[in-house]
Amino acid sequence: MNHIPKNTTFNSPKGKAELFFQVVNLDHYLTNYVVDLSKDLDKRSHDVPFTGIAKRLMGDVLIQSVVDRKNKYYAISLVENRYYYTVFYLSTRSDSEQLYAVIVTCYATNNKDVHRRYDDWLNAEKGKFRR
């Protein structure tokens, strides 16, 4: 049912963070999502529904801070053989200590540098557990 909140959390560099969407970003995000629906599946980049963003922030995800930006992070994940790039801010409200991840964008990417960064990170992580 749509009236039931579907908030979810993920492990961020600063602890558990609840996903949060700003209205200013929502318009941009939905416009790109709707435009992409008319494209062939393999040509879509903004194909992530809101419920799918949480999936792209869980599991094997490279999360790093953006240089010279306070509380701004990017995440790279591999979901269903597609690389996804997510940008978010971590913050709290003045009336709560709950950590929020304010989603800026989340899209599939063919950028080879992004692919390499993720693959290098994943191989290094897997190497930590090999004996």
C-alpha atoms as a PDB file:
ATOM      1  CA  MET A   1       0.000   0.000   0.000  1.00  0.00           C
ATOM      2  CA  ASN A   2       1.334   3.414  -0.919  1.00  0.00           C
ATOM      3  CA  HIS A   3       0.305   5.158   2.305  1.00  0.00           C
ATOM      4  CA  ILE A   4       2.590   2.945   4.396  1.00  0.00           C
ATOM      5  CA  PRO A   5       6.100   4.435   4.822  1.00  0.00           C
ATOM      6  CA  LYS A   6       8.842   2.397   3.169  1.00  0.00           C
ATOM      7  CA  ASN A   7      11.829   3.983   4.860  1.00  0.00           C
ATOM      8  CA  THR A   8      14.948   1.919   4.954  1.00  0.00           C
ATOM      9  CA  THR A   9      18.466   2.299   6.280  1.00  0.00           C
ATOM     10  CA  PHE A  10      21.908   1.339   5.041  1.00  0.00           C
ATOM     11  CA  ASN A  11      25.389   1.320   6.562  1.00  0.00           C
ATOM     12  CA  SER A  12      27.095   4.605   5.716  1.00  0.00           C
ATOM     13  CA  PRO A  13      30.613   5.770   6.629  1.00  0.00           C
ATOM     14  CA  LYS A  14      29.091   7.547   9.647  1.00  0.00           C
ATOM     15  CA  GLY A  15      26.780   4.724  10.769  1.00  0.00           C
ATOM     16  CA  LYS A  16      23.251   3.625   9.895  1.00  0.00           C
ATOM     17  CA  ALA A  17      21.516   6.233   7.734  1.00  0.00           C
ATOM     18  CA  GLU A  18      17.878   6.453   6.711  1.00  0.00           C
ATOM     19  CA  LEU A  19      17.172   7.244   3.064  1.00  0.00           C
ATOM     20  CA  PHE A  20      15.590  10.655   2.547  1.00  0.00           C
ATOM     21  CA  PHE A  21      14.468  12.396  -0.633  1.00  0.00           C
ATOM     22  CA  GLN A  22      14.335  16.154  -1.043  1.00  0.00           C
ATOM     23  CA  VAL A  23      11.502  17.494  -3.162  1.00  0.00           C
ATOM     24  CA  VAL A  24      13.934  19.596  -5.202  1.00  0.00           C
ATOM     25  CA  ASN A  25      15.778  16.433  -6.258  1.00  0.00           C
ATOM     26  CA  LEU A  26      12.591  14.410  -6.695  1.00  0.00           C
ATOM     27  CA  ASP A  27      11.403  16.428  -9.697  1.00  0.00           C
ATOM     28  CA  HIS A  28      14.741  16.016 -11.504  1.00  0.00           C
ATOM     29  CA  TYR A  29      14.901  12.344 -10.602  1.00  0.00           C
ATOM     30  CA  LEU A  30      11.352  11.505 -11.752  1.00  0.00           C
ATOM     31  CA  THR A  31      11.741  13.450 -15.001  1.00  0.00           C
ATOM     32  CA  ASN A  32      14.839  11.429 -15.922  1.00  0.00           C
ATOM     33  CA  TYR A  33      13.136   8.182 -14.879  1.00  0.00           C
ATOM     34  CA  VAL A  34      10.044   8.839 -17.031  1.00  0.00           C
ATOM     35  CA  VAL A  35      12.121   9.902 -20.066  1.00  0.00           C
ATOM     36  CA  ASP A  36      14.215   6.734 -19.775  1.00  0.00           C
ATOM     37  CA  LEU A  37      11.134   4.494 -19.827  1.00  0.00           C
ATOM     38  CA  SER A  38      10.734   5.178 -23.557  1.00  0.00           C
ATOM     39  CA  LYS A  39      14.280   3.935 -24.305  1.00  0.00           C
ATOM     40  CA  ASP A  40      15.446   0.383 -24.931  1.00  0.00           C
ATOM     41  CA  LEU A  41      16.394  -1.361 -21.686  1.00  0.00           C
ATOM     42  CA  ASP A  42      20.113  -1.486 -22.516  1.00  0.00           C
ATOM     43  CA  LYS A  43      20.185   2.281 -23.239  1.00  0.00           C
ATOM     44  CA  ARG A  44      18.575   3.382 -19.990  1.00  0.00           C
ATOM     45  CA  SER A  45      20.664   5.049 -17.308  1.00  0.00           C
ATOM     46  CA  HIS A  46      18.034   6.550 -14.984  1.00  0.00           C
ATOM     47  CA  ASP A  47      16.161   3.272 -14.551  1.00  0.00           C
ATOM     48  CA  VAL A  48      16.182   3.057 -10.754  1.00  0.00           C
ATOM     49  CA  PRO A  49      12.831   3.363  -8.947  1.00  0.00           C
ATOM     50  CA  PHE A  50      13.008   4.844  -5.454  1.00  0.00           C
ATOM     51  CA  THR A  51      12.626   1.413  -3.906  1.00  0.00           C
ATOM     52  CA  GLY A  52      15.681   0.300  -5.887  1.00  0.00           C
ATOM     53  CA  ILE A  53      18.053   2.928  -4.516  1.00  0.00           C
ATOM     54  CA  ALA A  54      18.315   1.103  -1.193  1.00  0.00           C
ATOM     55  CA  LYS A  55      19.312  -2.053  -3.075  1.00  0.00           C
ATOM     56  CA  ARG A  56      22.158  -0.124  -4.712  1.00  0.00           C
ATOM     57  CA  LEU A  57      23.460   0.982  -1.306  1.00  0.00           C
ATOM     58  CA  MET A  58      23.593  -2.482   0.286  1.00  0.00           C
ATOM     59  CA  GLY A  59      25.934  -5.401  -0.177  1.00  0.00           C
ATOM     60  CA  ASP A  60      29.229  -4.897  -2.017  1.00  0.00           C
ATOM     61  CA  VAL A  61      29.210  -1.106  -2.330  1.00  0.00           C
ATOM     62  CA  LEU A  62      32.173   1.246  -2.608  1.00  0.00           C
ATOM     63  CA  ILE A  63      31.329   4.391  -0.616  1.00  0.00           C
ATOM     64  CA  GLN A  64      33.770   7.290  -0.494  1.00  0.00           C
ATOM     65  CA  SER A  65      33.592  10.943   0.442  1.00  0.00           C
ATOM     66  CA  VAL A  66      33.673  13.589  -2.279  1.00  0.00           C
ATOM     67  CA  VAL A  67      36.878  15.631  -2.014  1.00  0.00           C
ATOM     68  CA  ASP A  68      36.406  19.160  -0.633  1.00  0.00           C
ATOM     69  CA  ARG A  69      32.679  18.595   0.046  1.00  0.00           C
ATOM     70  CA  LYS A  70      31.468  18.311   3.616  1.00  0.00           C
ATOM     71  CA  ASN A  71      29.221  15.293   4.221  1.00  0.00           C
ATOM     72  CA  LYS A  72      28.921  14.524   0.478  1.00  0.00           C
ATOM     73  CA  TYR A  73      29.521  10.940  -0.639  1.00  0.00           C
ATOM     74  CA  TYR A  74      29.328   8.798  -3.722  1.00  0.00           C
ATOM     75  CA  ALA A  75      28.610   5.097  -3.940  1.00  0.00           C
ATOM     76  CA  ILE A  76      29.410   2.672  -6.738  1.00  0.00           C
ATOM     77  CA  SER A  77      27.642  -0.661  -6.907  1.00  0.00           C
ATOM     78  CA  LEU A  78      27.129  -3.496  -9.354  1.00  0.00           C
ATOM     79  CA  VAL A  79      23.528  -4.702  -9.581  1.00  0.00           C
ATOM     80  CA  GLU A  80      22.270  -7.125 -12.233  1.00  0.00           C
ATOM     81  CA  ASN A  81      25.460  -6.639 -14.305  1.00  0.00           C
ATOM     82  CA  ARG A  82      25.106  -2.833 -14.374  1.00  0.00           C
ATOM     83  CA  TYR A  83      27.273  -0.339 -12.531  1.00  0.00           C
ATOM     84  CA  TYR A  84      25.381   2.322 -10.575  1.00  0.00           C
ATOM     85  CA  TYR A  85      26.644   5.658  -9.300  1.00  0.00           C
ATOM     86  CA  THR A  86      24.785   7.234  -6.371  1.00  0.00           C
ATOM     87  CA  VAL A  87      25.476  10.634  -4.820  1.00  0.00           C
ATOM     88  CA  PHE A  88      24.163  11.559  -1.381  1.00  0.00           C
ATOM     89  CA  TYR A  89      24.703  13.822   1.613  1.00  0.00           C
ATOM     90  CA  LEU A  90      24.721  12.606   5.218  1.00  0.00           C
ATOM     91  CA  SER A  91      23.135  14.895   7.786  1.00  0.00           C
ATOM     92  CA  THR A  92      20.934  15.063  10.862  1.00  0.00           C
ATOM     93  CA  ARG A  93      18.018  17.337  11.678  1.00  0.00           C
ATOM     94  CA  SER A  94      18.128  19.718  14.607  1.00  0.00           C
ATOM     95  CA  ASP A  95      15.282  17.851  16.337  1.00  0.00           C
ATOM     96  CA  SER A  96      16.696  14.328  15.931  1.00  0.00           C
ATOM     97  CA  GLU A  97      19.980  12.460  16.101  1.00  0.00           C
ATOM     98  CA  GLN A  98      18.818  10.124  13.325  1.00  0.00           C
ATOM     99  CA  LEU A  99      21.342  10.154  10.474  1.00  0.00           C
ATOM    100  CA  TYR A 100      19.773  10.778   7.063  1.00  0.00           C
ATOM    101  CA  ALA A 101      21.139  10.115   3.604  1.00  0.00           C
ATOM    102  CA  VAL A 102      19.753  12.768   1.282  1.00  0.00           C
ATOM    103  CA  ILE A 103      19.827  11.228  -2.183  1.00  0.00           C
ATOM    104  CA  VAL A 104      20.990  13.580  -4.927  1.00  0.00           C
ATOM    105  CA  THR A 105      21.069  11.159  -7.844  1.00  0.00           C
ATOM    106  CA  CYS A 106      21.389   7.481  -8.736  1.00  0.00           C
ATOM    107  CA  TYR A 107      22.004   6.226 -12.251  1.00  0.00           C
ATOM    108  CA  ALA A 108      23.590   3.451 -14.307  1.00  0.00           C
ATOM    109  CA  THR A 109      26.946   4.390 -15.779  1.00  0.00           C
ATOM    110  CA  ASN A 110      29.196   3.153 -18.561  1.00  0.00           C
ATOM    111  CA  ASN A 111      32.100   5.304 -17.380  1.00  0.00           C
ATOM    112  CA  LYS A 112      35.182   3.050 -17.520  1.00  0.00           C
ATOM    113  CA  ASP A 113      36.881   4.924 -14.658  1.00  0.00           C
ATOM    114  CA  VAL A 114      33.893   4.218 -12.401  1.00  0.00           C
ATOM    115  CA  HIS A 115      33.941   0.535 -13.436  1.00  0.00           C
ATOM    116  CA  ARG A 116      37.687   0.307 -12.732  1.00  0.00           C
ATOM    117  CA  ARG A 117      37.413   2.002  -9.326  1.00  0.00           C
ATOM    118  CA  TYR A 118      34.683  -0.422  -8.272  1.00  0.00           C
ATOM    119  CA  ASP A 119      36.430  -3.519  -9.651  1.00  0.00           C
ATOM    120  CA  ASP A 120      39.749  -2.555  -8.019  1.00  0.00           C
ATOM    121  CA  TRP A 121      38.003  -1.937  -4.697  1.00  0.00           C
ATOM    122  CA  LEU A 122      36.047  -5.207  -4.862  1.00  0.00           C
ATOM    123  CA  ASN A 123      39.186  -7.224  -5.666  1.00  0.00           C
ATOM    124  CA  ALA A 124      41.018  -5.581  -2.753  1.00  0.00           C
ATOM    125  CA  GLU A 125      38.111  -6.344  -0.406  1.00  0.00           C
ATOM    126  CA  LYS A 126      37.960  -9.976  -1.506  1.00  0.00           C
ATOM    127  CA  GLY A 127      41.740 -10.220  -1.078  1.00  0.00           C
ATOM    128  CA  LYS A 128      41.405  -9.309   2.603  1.00  0.00           C
ATOM    129  CA  PHE A 129      39.519 -12.543   3.247  1.00  0.00           C
ATOM    130  CA  ARG A 130      41.725 -14.918   1.249  1.00  0.00           C
ATOM    131  CA  ARG A 131      44.271 -16.962   3.168  1.00  0.00           C
END
